[in-house]
């Protein structure tokens, strides 16, 4: 069984918007609604927990009424960091099986990708989507800079899917600023990370240029 935690704690600062980025519109609906619907396309009955900042919960509920959004989901208050928000989300998830942790501002994840990740997570206890960079890369520090072999570098995406019981145990750890995603928490707890094939269309909306790109990708996928 799969359960889903969608983390939507953004403030929209890099988007240069007063509207929290998870509430910006894509094809006439807030981004977060697209992220929820993506998992309901995979399984209409999949349980979804949405983690939001305390001061945005009323706003989200108003948006659900305004857009007649009737996909059932639980709402949990976020924490100080993404790590703490995921902790709070996991407290709302019971039982065994698999749990997907997803960014609320990745609205274009496809059913085929979720299906693939679930299958690999069932086999390896986890599945973390990754893509290879297309640009040349260099490492820069106080000593200068040098080329990196891009074939050895991966760009990590969500949803990241894990054995629920093991992920809950991993999140018992104390917070560390190096925990940039769930895979780093999972790995610190002694679990190997299984990389799965991600998708270049599975973009994260973080900067103003990302939204028109998402609109174009959405139009292509809908045509």
N, C-alpha and C. Protein backbone atom coordinates (compact mmCIF):
# COMPACT_ATOMS: atom_id res chain seq x y z
N UNK A 1 0.84 -1.20 0.00
CA UNK A 1 0.00 0.00 0.00
C UNK A 1 0.87 1.24 0.00
N UNK A 2 0.49 2.23 -0.79
CA UNK A 2 1.19 3.50 -0.84
C UNK A 2 0.39 4.57 -0.10
N UNK A 3 1.10 5.37 0.69
CA UNK A 3 0.54 6.59 1.27
C UNK A 3 1.43 7.75 0.85
N UNK A 4 0.89 8.96 0.89
CA UNK A 4 1.59 10.11 0.32
C UNK A 4 1.64 11.25 1.32
N UNK A 5 2.82 11.86 1.45
CA UNK A 5 2.99 13.10 2.21
C UNK A 5 3.49 14.16 1.23
N UNK A 6 2.72 15.22 1.06
CA UNK A 6 3.12 16.31 0.17
C UNK A 6 3.51 17.51 1.03
N UNK A 7 4.75 17.94 0.87
CA UNK A 7 5.29 19.03 1.68
C UNK A 7 5.15 20.33 0.88
N UNK A 8 4.41 21.28 1.46
CA UNK A 8 4.11 22.52 0.74
C UNK A 8 4.34 23.71 1.66
N UNK A 9 5.60 23.94 2.00
CA UNK A 9 5.92 24.98 2.97
C UNK A 9 6.55 26.22 2.38
N UNK A 10 6.49 26.36 1.04
CA UNK A 10 7.18 27.48 0.40
C UNK A 10 6.55 28.82 0.69
N UNK A 11 7.39 29.87 0.61
CA UNK A 11 6.93 31.23 0.86
C UNK A 11 6.91 32.09 -0.40
N UNK A 12 7.47 31.60 -1.50
CA UNK A 12 7.41 32.36 -2.74
C UNK A 12 8.49 33.41 -2.88
N UNK A 13 9.53 33.38 -2.02
CA UNK A 13 10.54 34.42 -2.05
C UNK A 13 11.33 34.42 -3.35
N UNK A 14 11.80 33.26 -3.76
CA UNK A 14 12.56 33.19 -5.02
C UNK A 14 11.68 33.39 -6.23
N UNK A 15 10.37 33.19 -6.06
CA UNK A 15 9.43 33.42 -7.15
C UNK A 15 9.10 34.91 -7.30
N UNK A 16 9.63 35.73 -6.36
CA UNK A 16 9.36 37.17 -6.38
C UNK A 16 7.85 37.42 -6.38
N UNK A 17 7.15 36.66 -5.55
CA UNK A 17 5.69 36.72 -5.51
C UNK A 17 5.23 36.82 -4.07
N UNK A 18 4.18 37.60 -3.83
CA UNK A 18 3.57 37.66 -2.51
C UNK A 18 2.74 36.41 -2.23
N UNK A 19 2.38 35.70 -3.30
CA UNK A 19 1.60 34.47 -3.16
C UNK A 19 2.55 33.31 -2.89
N UNK A 20 2.33 32.52 -1.85
CA UNK A 20 3.18 31.33 -1.66
C UNK A 20 3.21 30.49 -2.93
N UNK A 21 4.39 29.98 -3.27
CA UNK A 21 4.55 29.37 -4.59
C UNK A 21 3.63 28.17 -4.81
N UNK A 22 3.29 27.45 -3.74
CA UNK A 22 2.41 26.29 -3.91
C UNK A 22 0.99 26.69 -4.30
N UNK A 23 0.66 27.99 -4.17
CA UNK A 23 -0.67 28.48 -4.52
C UNK A 23 -0.70 29.23 -5.85
N UNK A 24 0.46 29.37 -6.50
CA UNK A 24 0.47 29.98 -7.83
C UNK A 24 -0.30 29.11 -8.80
N UNK A 25 -0.84 29.73 -9.84
CA UNK A 25 -1.74 29.02 -10.74
C UNK A 25 -1.01 28.37 -11.92
N UNK A 26 -1.37 27.15 -12.19
CA UNK A 26 -0.95 26.42 -13.39
C UNK A 26 -2.21 25.91 -14.06
N UNK A 27 -2.44 26.30 -15.30
CA UNK A 27 -3.66 25.89 -16.02
C UNK A 27 -4.91 26.18 -15.20
N UNK A 28 -4.90 27.34 -14.53
CA UNK A 28 -6.09 27.79 -13.83
C UNK A 28 -6.32 27.21 -12.46
N UNK A 29 -5.36 26.43 -11.91
CA UNK A 29 -5.50 25.86 -10.57
C UNK A 29 -4.19 25.99 -9.81
N UNK A 30 -4.25 26.13 -8.49
CA UNK A 30 -3.02 26.19 -7.70
C UNK A 30 -2.15 24.96 -7.91
N UNK A 31 -0.85 25.19 -7.91
CA UNK A 31 0.12 24.11 -8.14
C UNK A 31 -0.12 22.92 -7.23
N UNK A 32 -0.41 23.18 -5.97
CA UNK A 32 -0.57 22.10 -5.01
C UNK A 32 -1.70 21.16 -5.40
N UNK A 33 -2.74 21.69 -6.00
CA UNK A 33 -3.85 20.83 -6.42
C UNK A 33 -3.40 19.85 -7.50
N UNK A 34 -2.56 20.31 -8.41
CA UNK A 34 -2.03 19.42 -9.45
C UNK A 34 -1.20 18.29 -8.82
N UNK A 35 -0.43 18.63 -7.79
CA UNK A 35 0.42 17.61 -7.16
C UNK A 35 -0.43 16.54 -6.48
N UNK A 36 -1.52 16.94 -5.85
CA UNK A 36 -2.42 15.95 -5.23
C UNK A 36 -3.07 15.09 -6.30
N UNK A 37 -3.59 15.73 -7.35
CA UNK A 37 -4.30 15.01 -8.41
C UNK A 37 -3.38 13.99 -9.08
N UNK A 38 -2.09 14.30 -9.21
CA UNK A 38 -1.16 13.37 -9.85
C UNK A 38 -1.18 12.01 -9.16
N UNK A 39 -1.21 12.01 -7.83
CA UNK A 39 -1.23 10.74 -7.10
C UNK A 39 -2.61 10.08 -7.16
N UNK A 40 -3.66 10.87 -7.24
CA UNK A 40 -4.99 10.29 -7.36
C UNK A 40 -5.18 9.66 -8.74
N UNK A 41 -4.45 10.13 -9.72
CA UNK A 41 -4.50 9.46 -11.03
C UNK A 41 -3.83 8.09 -10.94
N UNK A 42 -2.81 8.01 -10.11
CA UNK A 42 -2.15 6.71 -9.89
C UNK A 42 -3.08 5.76 -9.15
N UNK A 43 -3.71 6.26 -8.09
CA UNK A 43 -4.62 5.45 -7.28
C UNK A 43 -5.68 6.39 -6.69
N UNK A 44 -6.93 6.30 -7.14
CA UNK A 44 -7.97 7.21 -6.65
C UNK A 44 -8.19 7.15 -5.14
N UNK A 45 -7.73 6.06 -4.50
CA UNK A 45 -7.95 5.90 -3.06
C UNK A 45 -6.70 6.18 -2.22
N UNK A 46 -5.62 6.59 -2.84
CA UNK A 46 -4.38 6.75 -2.08
C UNK A 46 -4.55 7.83 -1.01
N UNK A 47 -4.17 7.53 0.26
CA UNK A 47 -4.28 8.54 1.32
C UNK A 47 -3.20 9.62 1.14
N UNK A 48 -3.62 10.87 1.24
CA UNK A 48 -2.72 12.01 1.03
C UNK A 48 -2.74 12.90 2.27
N UNK A 49 -1.54 13.21 2.76
CA UNK A 49 -1.36 14.19 3.83
C UNK A 49 -0.63 15.39 3.24
N UNK A 50 -1.18 16.58 3.42
CA UNK A 50 -0.55 17.81 2.95
C UNK A 50 -0.01 18.57 4.15
N UNK A 51 1.27 18.95 4.09
CA UNK A 51 1.91 19.69 5.17
C UNK A 51 2.05 21.15 4.75
N UNK A 52 1.42 22.03 5.51
CA UNK A 52 1.38 23.46 5.19
C UNK A 52 1.83 24.29 6.39
N UNK A 53 2.37 25.48 6.13
CA UNK A 53 2.62 26.40 7.25
C UNK A 53 1.32 26.72 7.98
N UNK A 54 1.40 26.85 9.28
CA UNK A 54 0.21 27.14 10.08
C UNK A 54 -0.60 28.31 9.53
N UNK A 55 0.12 29.36 9.13
CA UNK A 55 -0.58 30.58 8.72
C UNK A 55 -1.11 30.52 7.30
N UNK A 56 -0.95 29.39 6.61
CA UNK A 56 -1.48 29.24 5.26
C UNK A 56 -2.61 28.21 5.17
N UNK A 57 -2.92 27.58 6.30
CA UNK A 57 -3.95 26.52 6.25
C UNK A 57 -5.32 27.09 5.90
N UNK A 58 -5.70 28.20 6.53
CA UNK A 58 -6.99 28.81 6.21
C UNK A 58 -7.04 29.25 4.75
N UNK A 59 -5.94 29.80 4.26
CA UNK A 59 -5.87 30.23 2.87
C UNK A 59 -6.08 29.04 1.93
N UNK A 60 -5.44 27.92 2.24
CA UNK A 60 -5.58 26.72 1.42
C UNK A 60 -7.02 26.21 1.42
N UNK A 61 -7.62 26.20 2.58
CA UNK A 61 -9.00 25.73 2.66
C UNK A 61 -9.94 26.64 1.87
N UNK A 62 -9.67 27.93 1.88
CA UNK A 62 -10.45 28.87 1.07
C UNK A 62 -10.27 28.61 -0.42
N UNK A 63 -9.03 28.31 -0.81
CA UNK A 63 -8.76 28.00 -2.22
C UNK A 63 -9.48 26.73 -2.64
N UNK A 64 -9.52 25.75 -1.76
CA UNK A 64 -10.23 24.50 -2.08
C UNK A 64 -11.71 24.77 -2.34
N UNK A 65 -12.28 25.66 -1.54
CA UNK A 65 -13.69 26.02 -1.77
C UNK A 65 -13.85 26.82 -3.06
N UNK A 66 -12.94 27.77 -3.27
CA UNK A 66 -13.03 28.63 -4.46
C UNK A 66 -12.92 27.83 -5.74
N UNK A 67 -12.02 26.84 -5.77
CA UNK A 67 -11.78 26.06 -6.98
C UNK A 67 -12.55 24.74 -6.99
N UNK A 68 -13.46 24.58 -6.02
CA UNK A 68 -14.29 23.37 -5.94
C UNK A 68 -13.42 22.11 -5.97
N UNK A 69 -12.35 22.17 -5.17
CA UNK A 69 -11.40 21.05 -5.12
C UNK A 69 -11.87 20.07 -4.07
N UNK A 70 -12.25 18.89 -4.49
CA UNK A 70 -12.89 17.93 -3.59
C UNK A 70 -12.06 16.67 -3.36
N UNK A 71 -10.80 16.68 -3.78
CA UNK A 71 -9.94 15.52 -3.50
C UNK A 71 -9.65 15.48 -1.99
N UNK A 72 -10.03 14.40 -1.34
CA UNK A 72 -9.86 14.32 0.11
C UNK A 72 -8.38 14.28 0.48
N UNK A 73 -8.04 14.94 1.58
CA UNK A 73 -6.66 14.93 2.07
C UNK A 73 -6.66 15.45 3.50
N UNK A 74 -5.70 14.98 4.27
CA UNK A 74 -5.48 15.50 5.62
C UNK A 74 -4.52 16.68 5.54
N UNK A 75 -4.67 17.61 6.47
CA UNK A 75 -3.79 18.78 6.54
C UNK A 75 -3.06 18.76 7.86
N UNK A 76 -1.73 18.93 7.79
CA UNK A 76 -0.87 18.93 8.98
C UNK A 76 -0.05 20.20 8.96
N UNK A 77 0.20 20.76 10.13
CA UNK A 77 1.03 21.96 10.24
C UNK A 77 2.50 21.62 10.01
N UNK A 78 3.19 22.48 9.29
CA UNK A 78 4.61 22.29 9.03
C UNK A 78 5.47 22.67 10.22
N UNK A 79 6.77 22.46 10.05
CA UNK A 79 7.73 22.76 11.11
C UNK A 79 8.71 23.83 10.68
N UNK A 80 9.75 23.98 11.48
CA UNK A 80 10.74 25.03 11.25
C UNK A 80 11.50 24.82 9.95
N UNK A 81 11.78 23.58 9.60
CA UNK A 81 12.50 23.25 8.37
C UNK A 81 11.73 22.17 7.63
N UNK A 82 12.19 21.86 6.41
CA UNK A 82 11.56 20.77 5.66
C UNK A 82 11.63 19.47 6.45
N UNK A 83 12.77 19.21 7.09
CA UNK A 83 12.93 18.01 7.91
C UNK A 83 11.81 17.90 8.94
N UNK A 84 11.56 18.99 9.66
CA UNK A 84 10.55 18.96 10.70
C UNK A 84 9.15 18.86 10.10
N UNK A 85 8.95 19.44 8.92
CA UNK A 85 7.65 19.32 8.26
C UNK A 85 7.37 17.87 7.85
N UNK A 86 8.39 17.19 7.33
CA UNK A 86 8.21 15.78 6.98
C UNK A 86 7.95 14.95 8.24
N UNK A 87 8.68 15.25 9.30
CA UNK A 87 8.41 14.57 10.58
C UNK A 87 6.94 14.69 10.96
N UNK A 88 6.42 15.90 10.88
CA UNK A 88 5.01 16.13 11.23
C UNK A 88 4.08 15.36 10.31
N UNK A 89 4.41 15.34 9.02
CA UNK A 89 3.59 14.61 8.07
C UNK A 89 3.59 13.12 8.35
N UNK A 90 4.74 12.57 8.70
CA UNK A 90 4.85 11.14 8.97
C UNK A 90 4.07 10.74 10.22
N UNK A 91 3.90 11.67 11.16
CA UNK A 91 3.11 11.35 12.35
C UNK A 91 1.66 11.10 11.99
N UNK A 92 1.23 11.57 10.85
CA UNK A 92 -0.15 11.38 10.40
C UNK A 92 -0.32 10.12 9.56
N UNK A 93 0.77 9.41 9.34
CA UNK A 93 0.74 8.22 8.47
C UNK A 93 0.95 6.98 9.33
N UNK A 94 0.03 6.04 9.25
CA UNK A 94 0.08 4.83 10.08
C UNK A 94 0.23 3.58 9.22
N UNK A 95 0.50 2.47 9.90
CA UNK A 95 0.53 1.19 9.22
C UNK A 95 1.89 0.88 8.62
N UNK A 96 1.86 0.02 7.60
CA UNK A 96 3.09 -0.41 6.93
C UNK A 96 2.94 -0.18 5.45
N UNK A 97 3.94 -0.60 4.69
CA UNK A 97 3.91 -0.40 3.25
C UNK A 97 4.88 0.69 2.84
N UNK A 98 4.50 1.47 1.86
CA UNK A 98 5.38 2.49 1.29
C UNK A 98 4.79 3.88 1.52
N UNK A 99 5.69 4.85 1.63
CA UNK A 99 5.26 6.25 1.71
C UNK A 99 6.04 7.07 0.69
N UNK A 100 5.33 7.91 -0.04
CA UNK A 100 5.95 8.82 -0.99
C UNK A 100 6.01 10.21 -0.37
N UNK A 101 7.18 10.82 -0.39
CA UNK A 101 7.34 12.21 0.05
C UNK A 101 7.54 13.05 -1.20
N UNK A 102 6.67 14.04 -1.39
CA UNK A 102 6.68 14.80 -2.64
C UNK A 102 6.65 16.29 -2.36
N UNK A 103 7.31 17.05 -3.24
CA UNK A 103 7.27 18.50 -3.17
C UNK A 103 5.93 19.00 -3.71
N UNK A 104 5.29 19.89 -2.98
CA UNK A 104 4.02 20.44 -3.43
C UNK A 104 4.13 21.26 -4.69
N UNK A 105 5.34 21.68 -5.04
CA UNK A 105 5.54 22.50 -6.24
C UNK A 105 6.21 21.70 -7.36
N UNK A 106 6.00 20.39 -7.36
CA UNK A 106 6.32 19.55 -8.53
C UNK A 106 4.99 19.02 -9.08
N UNK A 107 4.29 19.83 -9.88
CA UNK A 107 2.92 19.48 -10.27
C UNK A 107 2.81 18.55 -11.46
N UNK A 108 3.93 18.24 -12.12
CA UNK A 108 3.86 17.54 -13.40
C UNK A 108 4.31 16.08 -13.33
N UNK A 109 4.44 15.53 -12.13
CA UNK A 109 4.86 14.13 -12.03
C UNK A 109 3.81 13.25 -12.71
N UNK A 110 4.29 12.29 -13.49
CA UNK A 110 3.41 11.44 -14.29
C UNK A 110 3.11 10.12 -13.58
N UNK A 111 1.95 9.56 -13.90
CA UNK A 111 1.54 8.27 -13.33
C UNK A 111 2.58 7.19 -13.64
N UNK A 112 3.13 7.21 -14.84
CA UNK A 112 4.11 6.19 -15.22
C UNK A 112 5.34 6.24 -14.32
N UNK A 113 5.75 7.45 -13.94
CA UNK A 113 6.90 7.60 -13.06
C UNK A 113 6.57 7.11 -11.65
N UNK A 114 5.40 7.47 -11.14
CA UNK A 114 5.00 6.99 -9.81
C UNK A 114 4.95 5.47 -9.79
N UNK A 115 4.38 4.88 -10.84
CA UNK A 115 4.27 3.42 -10.93
C UNK A 115 5.65 2.77 -10.90
N UNK A 116 6.58 3.33 -11.65
CA UNK A 116 7.94 2.81 -11.68
C UNK A 116 8.61 2.92 -10.31
N UNK A 117 8.45 4.07 -9.66
CA UNK A 117 9.08 4.28 -8.36
C UNK A 117 8.51 3.34 -7.31
N UNK A 118 7.20 3.12 -7.33
CA UNK A 118 6.59 2.21 -6.37
C UNK A 118 7.13 0.79 -6.55
N UNK A 119 7.26 0.36 -7.80
CA UNK A 119 7.76 -0.99 -8.06
C UNK A 119 9.20 -1.13 -7.56
N UNK A 120 10.03 -0.13 -7.81
CA UNK A 120 11.43 -0.22 -7.38
C UNK A 120 11.56 -0.09 -5.87
N UNK A 121 10.72 0.75 -5.26
CA UNK A 121 10.75 0.87 -3.80
C UNK A 121 10.33 -0.43 -3.14
N UNK A 122 9.39 -1.12 -3.73
CA UNK A 122 8.96 -2.42 -3.19
C UNK A 122 10.11 -3.43 -3.24
N UNK A 123 10.97 -3.30 -4.24
CA UNK A 123 12.08 -4.24 -4.41
C UNK A 123 13.30 -3.85 -3.58
N UNK A 124 13.53 -2.53 -3.41
CA UNK A 124 14.78 -2.07 -2.79
C UNK A 124 14.57 -1.30 -1.49
N UNK A 125 13.35 -1.23 -0.99
CA UNK A 125 12.98 -0.48 0.22
C UNK A 125 12.95 1.03 0.00
N UNK A 126 13.43 1.49 -1.15
CA UNK A 126 13.35 2.92 -1.46
C UNK A 126 13.59 3.13 -2.94
N UNK A 127 13.12 4.25 -3.43
CA UNK A 127 13.39 4.64 -4.82
C UNK A 127 13.43 6.16 -4.87
N UNK A 128 14.57 6.70 -5.32
CA UNK A 128 14.79 8.14 -5.36
C UNK A 128 15.04 8.55 -6.80
N UNK A 129 14.15 9.34 -7.40
CA UNK A 129 14.30 9.68 -8.81
C UNK A 129 15.46 10.65 -9.04
N UNK A 130 16.20 10.41 -10.10
CA UNK A 130 17.38 11.22 -10.41
C UNK A 130 17.53 11.35 -11.92
N UNK A 131 18.02 12.50 -12.35
CA UNK A 131 18.35 12.70 -13.76
C UNK A 131 19.78 13.20 -13.88
N UNK A 132 20.36 13.03 -15.05
CA UNK A 132 21.72 13.50 -15.30
C UNK A 132 21.69 14.94 -15.80
N UNK A 133 22.63 15.78 -15.37
CA UNK A 133 22.67 17.15 -15.86
C UNK A 133 23.07 17.20 -17.33
N UNK A 134 22.54 18.17 -18.05
CA UNK A 134 22.89 18.31 -19.45
C UNK A 134 24.04 19.26 -19.68
N UNK A 135 24.35 20.11 -18.71
CA UNK A 135 25.40 21.12 -18.86
C UNK A 135 26.74 20.60 -18.34
N UNK A 136 27.80 21.24 -18.77
CA UNK A 136 29.11 20.98 -18.18
C UNK A 136 29.11 21.50 -16.75
N UNK A 137 29.87 20.84 -15.88
CA UNK A 137 29.90 21.19 -14.47
C UNK A 137 31.33 21.46 -14.01
N UNK A 138 31.47 22.41 -13.11
CA UNK A 138 32.75 22.68 -12.47
C UNK A 138 32.54 22.81 -10.98
N UNK A 139 33.55 22.34 -10.20
CA UNK A 139 33.55 22.51 -8.76
C UNK A 139 34.36 23.76 -8.43
N UNK A 140 33.77 24.70 -7.69
CA UNK A 140 34.45 25.94 -7.33
C UNK A 140 34.54 26.07 -5.82
N UNK A 141 35.75 26.36 -5.32
CA UNK A 141 35.94 26.59 -3.89
C UNK A 141 37.06 27.61 -3.70
N UNK A 142 37.57 27.74 -2.48
CA UNK A 142 38.60 28.74 -2.19
C UNK A 142 39.90 28.47 -2.95
N UNK A 143 40.08 27.23 -3.40
CA UNK A 143 41.32 26.87 -4.10
C UNK A 143 41.21 27.09 -5.62
N UNK A 144 40.06 27.53 -6.08
CA UNK A 144 39.88 27.71 -7.53
C UNK A 144 38.69 26.90 -8.02
N UNK A 145 38.81 26.39 -9.23
CA UNK A 145 37.72 25.57 -9.77
C UNK A 145 38.29 24.49 -10.68
N UNK A 146 37.51 23.42 -10.85
CA UNK A 146 37.96 22.33 -11.69
C UNK A 146 36.74 21.62 -12.27
N UNK A 147 36.96 20.96 -13.38
CA UNK A 147 35.85 20.30 -14.06
C UNK A 147 35.39 19.08 -13.26
N UNK A 148 34.08 18.82 -13.34
CA UNK A 148 33.51 17.61 -12.76
C UNK A 148 33.01 16.71 -13.88
N UNK A 149 33.14 15.42 -13.68
CA UNK A 149 32.60 14.45 -14.64
C UNK A 149 31.10 14.39 -14.44
N UNK A 150 30.34 14.98 -15.38
CA UNK A 150 28.89 15.06 -15.16
C UNK A 150 28.21 13.69 -15.18
N UNK A 151 28.88 12.68 -15.72
CA UNK A 151 28.28 11.34 -15.71
C UNK A 151 28.20 10.78 -14.29
N UNK A 152 28.96 11.38 -13.36
CA UNK A 152 28.95 10.92 -11.97
C UNK A 152 28.07 11.80 -11.07
N UNK A 153 27.39 12.79 -11.66
CA UNK A 153 26.57 13.71 -10.89
C UNK A 153 25.10 13.51 -11.25
N UNK A 154 24.24 13.52 -10.26
CA UNK A 154 22.81 13.34 -10.49
C UNK A 154 22.02 14.48 -9.85
N UNK A 155 20.96 14.88 -10.51
CA UNK A 155 20.01 15.85 -9.98
C UNK A 155 18.84 15.07 -9.38
N UNK A 156 18.57 15.32 -8.11
CA UNK A 156 17.59 14.52 -7.37
C UNK A 156 16.22 15.20 -7.40
N UNK A 157 15.19 14.38 -7.54
CA UNK A 157 13.82 14.88 -7.61
C UNK A 157 12.96 14.23 -6.52
N UNK A 158 11.69 14.56 -6.54
CA UNK A 158 10.68 13.83 -5.79
C UNK A 158 9.57 13.45 -6.78
N UNK A 159 8.71 12.48 -6.44
CA UNK A 159 8.56 11.84 -5.13
C UNK A 159 9.67 10.85 -4.83
N UNK A 160 10.10 10.86 -3.58
CA UNK A 160 11.01 9.84 -3.08
C UNK A 160 10.17 8.87 -2.26
N UNK A 161 10.29 7.59 -2.57
CA UNK A 161 9.40 6.58 -1.97
C UNK A 161 10.22 5.62 -1.12
N UNK A 162 9.70 5.35 0.07
CA UNK A 162 10.44 4.57 1.07
C UNK A 162 9.54 3.56 1.77
N UNK A 163 10.17 2.54 2.32
CA UNK A 163 9.51 1.67 3.29
C UNK A 163 9.10 2.56 4.47
N UNK A 164 7.82 2.60 4.77
CA UNK A 164 7.30 3.53 5.77
C UNK A 164 7.92 3.32 7.14
N UNK A 165 8.00 2.08 7.57
CA UNK A 165 8.53 1.81 8.91
C UNK A 165 9.97 2.28 9.03
N UNK A 166 10.79 1.99 8.02
CA UNK A 166 12.20 2.38 8.06
C UNK A 166 12.37 3.90 7.98
N UNK A 167 11.52 4.56 7.20
CA UNK A 167 11.65 6.02 7.10
C UNK A 167 11.27 6.68 8.42
N UNK A 168 10.24 6.17 9.07
CA UNK A 168 9.87 6.73 10.37
C UNK A 168 11.03 6.58 11.37
N UNK A 169 11.70 5.45 11.34
CA UNK A 169 12.86 5.26 12.22
C UNK A 169 13.97 6.24 11.87
N UNK A 170 14.18 6.49 10.57
CA UNK A 170 15.22 7.43 10.14
C UNK A 170 14.91 8.83 10.65
N UNK A 171 13.65 9.20 10.70
CA UNK A 171 13.27 10.54 11.11
C UNK A 171 13.23 10.71 12.63
N UNK A 172 13.65 9.69 13.37
CA UNK A 172 13.84 9.84 14.81
C UNK A 172 15.14 10.60 15.10
N UNK A 173 16.03 10.65 14.12
CA UNK A 173 17.31 11.34 14.29
C UNK A 173 17.11 12.82 14.61
N UNK A 174 18.14 13.41 15.24
CA UNK A 174 18.15 14.85 15.43
C UNK A 174 18.38 15.54 14.08
N UNK A 175 17.85 16.73 13.94
CA UNK A 175 18.00 17.50 12.71
C UNK A 175 19.47 17.86 12.47
N UNK A 176 19.86 17.80 11.21
CA UNK A 176 21.18 18.23 10.76
C UNK A 176 20.98 19.11 9.53
N UNK A 177 21.65 20.27 9.44
CA UNK A 177 21.47 21.14 8.28
C UNK A 177 21.82 20.47 6.94
N UNK A 178 22.57 19.38 6.98
CA UNK A 178 22.92 18.69 5.74
C UNK A 178 21.77 17.84 5.20
N UNK A 179 20.68 17.75 5.94
CA UNK A 179 19.51 16.99 5.47
C UNK A 179 18.76 17.83 4.44
N UNK A 180 19.16 17.70 3.19
CA UNK A 180 18.55 18.51 2.14
C UNK A 180 17.30 17.86 1.54
N UNK A 181 17.14 16.58 1.76
CA UNK A 181 15.96 15.87 1.27
C UNK A 181 15.79 14.61 2.11
N UNK A 182 14.80 13.81 1.76
CA UNK A 182 14.53 12.60 2.55
C UNK A 182 15.59 11.53 2.34
N UNK A 183 16.18 11.50 1.16
CA UNK A 183 17.23 10.52 0.88
C UNK A 183 18.43 10.71 1.79
N UNK A 184 18.77 11.98 2.12
CA UNK A 184 19.92 12.20 3.00
C UNK A 184 19.61 11.74 4.43
N UNK A 185 18.36 11.91 4.86
CA UNK A 185 17.95 11.42 6.18
C UNK A 185 18.00 9.89 6.21
N UNK A 186 17.44 9.29 5.17
CA UNK A 186 17.43 7.83 5.01
C UNK A 186 18.85 7.27 5.03
N UNK A 187 19.74 7.90 4.29
CA UNK A 187 21.13 7.43 4.19
C UNK A 187 21.86 7.57 5.52
N UNK A 188 21.67 8.69 6.23
CA UNK A 188 22.34 8.89 7.51
C UNK A 188 21.94 7.82 8.53
N UNK A 189 20.75 7.27 8.36
CA UNK A 189 20.28 6.22 9.27
C UNK A 189 20.87 4.85 8.89
N UNK A 190 21.75 4.81 7.89
CA UNK A 190 22.41 3.57 7.53
C UNK A 190 21.76 2.79 6.40
N UNK A 191 20.84 3.41 5.68
CA UNK A 191 20.15 2.74 4.59
C UNK A 191 20.74 3.15 3.24
N UNK A 192 21.00 2.20 2.35
CA UNK A 192 21.49 2.56 1.02
C UNK A 192 20.39 3.23 0.21
N UNK A 193 20.79 4.20 -0.62
CA UNK A 193 19.86 4.93 -1.48
C UNK A 193 19.84 4.28 -2.86
N UNK A 194 18.65 3.93 -3.31
CA UNK A 194 18.47 3.35 -4.65
C UNK A 194 17.99 4.45 -5.59
N UNK A 195 18.83 4.79 -6.56
CA UNK A 195 18.47 5.81 -7.54
C UNK A 195 17.64 5.20 -8.66
N UNK A 196 16.57 5.88 -9.00
CA UNK A 196 15.68 5.47 -10.07
C UNK A 196 15.67 6.55 -11.13
N UNK A 197 15.17 6.22 -12.31
CA UNK A 197 15.16 7.18 -13.41
C UNK A 197 14.07 8.22 -13.19
N UNK A 198 14.48 9.50 -13.11
CA UNK A 198 13.53 10.59 -13.01
C UNK A 198 13.11 11.08 -14.38
N UNK A 199 12.57 12.28 -14.42
CA UNK A 199 12.08 12.83 -15.68
C UNK A 199 12.40 14.32 -15.74
N UNK A 200 12.88 14.77 -16.90
CA UNK A 200 13.20 16.19 -17.06
C UNK A 200 11.95 17.06 -17.06
N UNK A 201 10.80 16.46 -17.30
CA UNK A 201 9.55 17.25 -17.25
C UNK A 201 9.03 17.40 -15.82
N UNK A 202 9.61 16.67 -14.88
CA UNK A 202 9.16 16.69 -13.49
C UNK A 202 9.83 17.86 -12.76
N UNK A 203 9.55 19.08 -13.24
CA UNK A 203 10.29 20.23 -12.73
C UNK A 203 9.70 20.74 -11.42
N UNK A 204 10.56 21.41 -10.65
CA UNK A 204 10.17 22.03 -9.39
C UNK A 204 10.03 23.53 -9.63
N UNK A 205 8.91 24.09 -9.23
CA UNK A 205 8.66 25.52 -9.46
C UNK A 205 9.28 26.31 -8.32
N UNK A 206 10.42 26.94 -8.58
CA UNK A 206 11.11 27.70 -7.54
C UNK A 206 11.46 29.11 -7.98
N UNK A 207 11.54 29.38 -9.28
CA UNK A 207 11.91 30.69 -9.79
C UNK A 207 10.91 31.13 -10.86
N UNK A 208 10.81 32.45 -11.12
CA UNK A 208 9.81 32.93 -12.08
C UNK A 208 9.85 32.24 -13.43
N UNK A 209 11.03 31.87 -13.92
CA UNK A 209 11.13 31.25 -15.24
C UNK A 209 10.50 29.86 -15.26
N UNK A 210 10.36 29.23 -14.09
CA UNK A 210 9.86 27.86 -14.04
C UNK A 210 8.37 27.76 -14.37
N UNK A 211 7.61 28.80 -14.05
CA UNK A 211 6.15 28.71 -14.23
C UNK A 211 5.74 28.67 -15.70
N UNK A 212 6.25 29.58 -16.56
CA UNK A 212 5.92 29.45 -17.98
C UNK A 212 6.42 28.14 -18.60
N UNK A 213 7.55 27.63 -18.09
CA UNK A 213 8.04 26.34 -18.58
C UNK A 213 7.06 25.23 -18.20
N UNK A 214 6.55 25.30 -16.97
CA UNK A 214 5.56 24.31 -16.54
C UNK A 214 4.27 24.43 -17.35
N UNK A 215 3.87 25.65 -17.68
CA UNK A 215 2.67 25.85 -18.49
C UNK A 215 2.85 25.20 -19.85
N UNK A 216 4.04 25.36 -20.45
CA UNK A 216 4.30 24.78 -21.76
C UNK A 216 4.30 23.26 -21.69
N UNK A 217 4.94 22.70 -20.64
CA UNK A 217 4.97 21.24 -20.48
C UNK A 217 3.58 20.69 -20.23
N UNK A 218 2.79 21.41 -19.44
CA UNK A 218 1.42 20.97 -19.17
C UNK A 218 0.60 20.94 -20.47
N UNK A 219 0.75 21.97 -21.28
CA UNK A 219 0.02 22.03 -22.55
C UNK A 219 0.41 20.88 -23.46
N UNK A 220 1.70 20.55 -23.49
CA UNK A 220 2.17 19.43 -24.32
C UNK A 220 1.59 18.11 -23.83
N UNK A 221 1.57 17.91 -22.52
CA UNK A 221 1.08 16.64 -21.98
C UNK A 221 -0.43 16.50 -22.13
N UNK A 222 -1.13 17.65 -22.27
CA UNK A 222 -2.58 17.62 -22.38
C UNK A 222 -3.06 17.57 -23.82
N UNK A 223 -2.14 17.78 -24.76
CA UNK A 223 -2.55 17.85 -26.19
C UNK A 223 -2.68 16.47 -26.81
